[in-house]
Protein backbone atom coordinates (compact mmCIF):
# COMPACT_ATOMS: atom_id res chain seq x y z
CA UNK A 1 4.79 7.47 9.28
CA UNK A 2 5.24 7.03 5.31
CA UNK A 3 1.87 9.12 4.97
CA UNK A 4 3.43 11.95 6.54
CA UNK A 5 6.40 12.16 4.17
CA UNK A 6 3.89 11.34 1.14
CA UNK A 7 1.95 14.47 2.34
CA UNK A 8 5.10 16.51 2.58
CA UNK A 9 5.88 15.78 -0.59
CA UNK A 10 2.49 16.64 -1.80
CA UNK A 11 2.73 20.00 -0.30
CA UNK A 12 6.25 20.51 -1.37
CA UNK A 13 5.81 19.21 -5.09
CA UNK A 14 2.14 18.84 -5.60
CA UNK A 15 -0.76 16.43 -5.56
CA UNK A 16 0.52 14.24 -8.27
CA UNK A 17 3.94 13.58 -6.67
CA UNK A 18 1.86 12.39 -3.64
CA UNK A 19 -0.08 9.89 -5.91
CA UNK A 20 3.17 8.79 -7.43
CA UNK A 21 4.87 8.27 -4.04
CA UNK A 22 2.20 6.35 -2.78
CA UNK A 23 2.21 3.92 -5.65
CA UNK A 24 5.86 3.40 -5.44
CA UNK A 25 5.87 2.98 -1.75
CA UNK A 26 3.21 0.30 -1.72
CA UNK A 27 4.82 -1.23 -4.73
CA UNK A 28 8.43 -1.43 -2.82
CA UNK A 29 6.53 -2.91 0.27
CA UNK A 30 4.65 -5.35 -2.11
CA UNK A 31 7.83 -6.71 -3.33
CA UNK A 32 10.28 -6.37 -0.36
CA UNK A 33 8.68 -6.96 2.93
CA UNK A 34 4.95 -7.53 2.46
CA UNK A 35 3.20 -10.69 3.87
CA UNK A 36 -0.26 -9.32 2.87
CA UNK A 37 0.22 -9.30 -1.16
CA UNK A 38 -2.01 -7.49 -3.41
CA UNK A 39 -4.56 -7.02 -0.72
CA UNK A 40 -1.95 -5.29 1.57
CA UNK A 41 -0.97 -3.19 -1.63
CA UNK A 42 -4.27 -2.08 -2.73
CA UNK A 43 -5.02 -1.33 1.18
CA UNK A 44 -1.84 0.69 1.39
CA UNK A 45 -2.73 2.53 -1.83
CA UNK A 46 -5.98 3.53 -0.72
CA UNK A 47 -5.18 4.50 3.01
CA UNK A 48 -2.26 6.68 2.02
CA UNK A 49 -4.38 8.36 -1.05
CA UNK A 50 -7.24 9.00 1.40
CA UNK A 51 -4.79 10.56 3.77
CA UNK A 52 -2.32 12.51 1.34
CA UNK A 53 -4.33 13.65 -1.53
CA UNK A 54 -7.04 16.31 0.08
CA UNK A 55 -4.15 18.18 2.06
CA UNK A 56 -1.96 18.23 -0.94
CA UNK A 57 -5.08 19.56 -3.31
CA UNK A 58 -5.92 22.15 -0.72
CA UNK A 59 -2.31 23.32 0.02
CA UNK A 60 -1.54 23.82 -3.59
CA UNK A 61 -4.60 26.11 -4.05
CA UNK A 62 -3.88 28.20 -0.84
CA UNK A 63 -0.24 27.51 0.70
CA UNK A 64 -1.29 28.39 4.06
CA UNK A 65 -1.03 26.78 7.77
CA UNK A 66 -4.71 26.83 7.77
CA UNK A 67 -5.25 25.00 4.50
CA UNK A 68 -2.81 22.24 5.45
CA UNK A 69 -4.66 21.72 8.92
CA UNK A 70 -7.98 21.86 7.42
CA UNK A 71 -7.06 19.26 4.72
CA UNK A 72 -5.12 17.02 6.98
CA UNK A 73 -8.43 17.01 9.54
CA UNK A 74 -10.73 15.90 6.37
CA UNK A 75 -7.94 13.48 5.21
CA UNK A 76 -7.92 12.23 8.66
CA UNK A 77 -11.55 11.54 8.67
CA UNK A 78 -11.70 10.11 5.35
CA UNK A 79 -9.04 7.82 5.91
CA UNK A 80 -10.78 6.55 8.98
CA UNK A 81 -13.87 6.03 7.24
CA UNK A 82 -12.32 4.34 4.22
CA UNK A 83 -10.16 2.19 6.36
CA UNK A 84 -13.30 1.05 8.40
CA UNK A 85 -15.28 0.22 5.50
CA UNK A 86 -12.27 -1.51 3.58
CA UNK A 87 -11.31 -3.66 6.78
CA UNK A 88 -15.19 -4.54 6.85
CA UNK A 89 -15.07 -5.75 3.20
CA UNK A 90 -11.55 -7.09 2.75
CA UNK A 91 -10.57 -8.50 6.24
CA UNK A 92 -12.92 -11.40 6.19
CA UNK A 93 -11.55 -12.45 2.91
CA UNK A 94 -7.81 -11.93 4.06
CA UNK A 95 -7.93 -13.31 7.52
CA UNK A 96 -10.32 -15.96 6.63
CA UNK A 97 -12.82 -15.18 9.48
CA UNK A 98 -16.51 -14.33 9.74
CA UNK A 99 -17.40 -10.90 8.67
CA UNK A 100 -19.42 -10.70 12.05
CA UNK A 101 -15.97 -11.03 13.90
CA UNK A 102 -14.37 -8.36 11.90
CA UNK A 103 -17.41 -6.10 12.56
CA UNK A 104 -17.20 -6.59 16.14
CA UNK A 105 -13.41 -5.51 15.84
CA UNK A 106 -14.06 -2.41 13.82
CA UNK A 107 -14.85 -0.01 16.92
CA UNK A 108 -12.47 -1.79 19.55
CA UNK A 109 -9.35 -2.47 17.12
CA UNK A 110 -9.56 -0.71 13.87
CA UNK A 111 -10.78 2.75 14.92
CA UNK A 112 -8.16 3.33 17.42
CA UNK A 113 -5.76 1.99 15.04
CA UNK A 114 -6.53 4.50 12.35
CA UNK A 115 -7.32 7.32 14.47
CA UNK A 116 -3.93 7.01 16.10
CA UNK A 117 -2.07 6.43 12.94
CA UNK A 118 -3.70 9.58 11.70
CA UNK A 119 -2.79 11.62 14.42
CA UNK A 120 0.61 10.51 14.38
CA UNK A 121 1.02 11.39 10.71
CA UNK A 122 -0.58 14.52 11.17
CA UNK A 123 1.75 15.61 14.13
CA UNK A 124 4.69 14.60 12.21
CA UNK A 125 3.71 16.92 9.13
CA UNK A 126 2.43 19.92 11.40
CA UNK A 127 5.85 19.79 13.29
CA UNK A 128 8.58 18.92 10.92
CA UNK A 129 7.20 20.32 7.42
CA UNK A 130 8.75 23.58 7.69
CA UNK A 131 11.98 22.55 9.31
CA UNK A 132 12.42 20.09 6.25
CA UNK A 133 11.47 22.47 3.79
CA UNK A 134 13.83 25.03 5.17
CA UNK A 135 16.65 22.41 5.16
CA UNK A 136 15.85 21.47 1.53
CA UNK A 137 15.86 25.00 0.41
CA UNK A 138 19.17 25.69 2.03
CA UNK A 139 20.78 22.73 0.46
CA UNK A 140 18.96 24.02 -2.84
CA UNK A 141 17.46 20.52 -3.60
CA UNK A 142 14.02 22.73 -3.86
CA UNK A 143 13.53 26.56 -4.76
């Protein structure tokens, strides 16, 4: 659910915050728990930016629930498409398997995984953003 947190930061602070947090999270993961190395870092950055940047930009232009939902819907579709493409390109190199094997996994494995990931992150943003912002304002961490 880190992408949900990145989106919420993008809503609260702006799109550049989403970019910065995306790179910081991916770098921290790379140097701590990652077993995928630089390939995992690049995939994390691409996935998180695809998911977080569009909603943050749209929400900055029009701070409404409708803008947030439209941004999240567009970004979910973009993230799924980008991850299918990147998995088709990168996974054969990383897993050292024939590209055909990865292409055979795109629809039954990678598509549902990325759809579910986007659905979970979108749900977290929709259900918790207002409550988190209200709490942060109450303790005066944000105006």
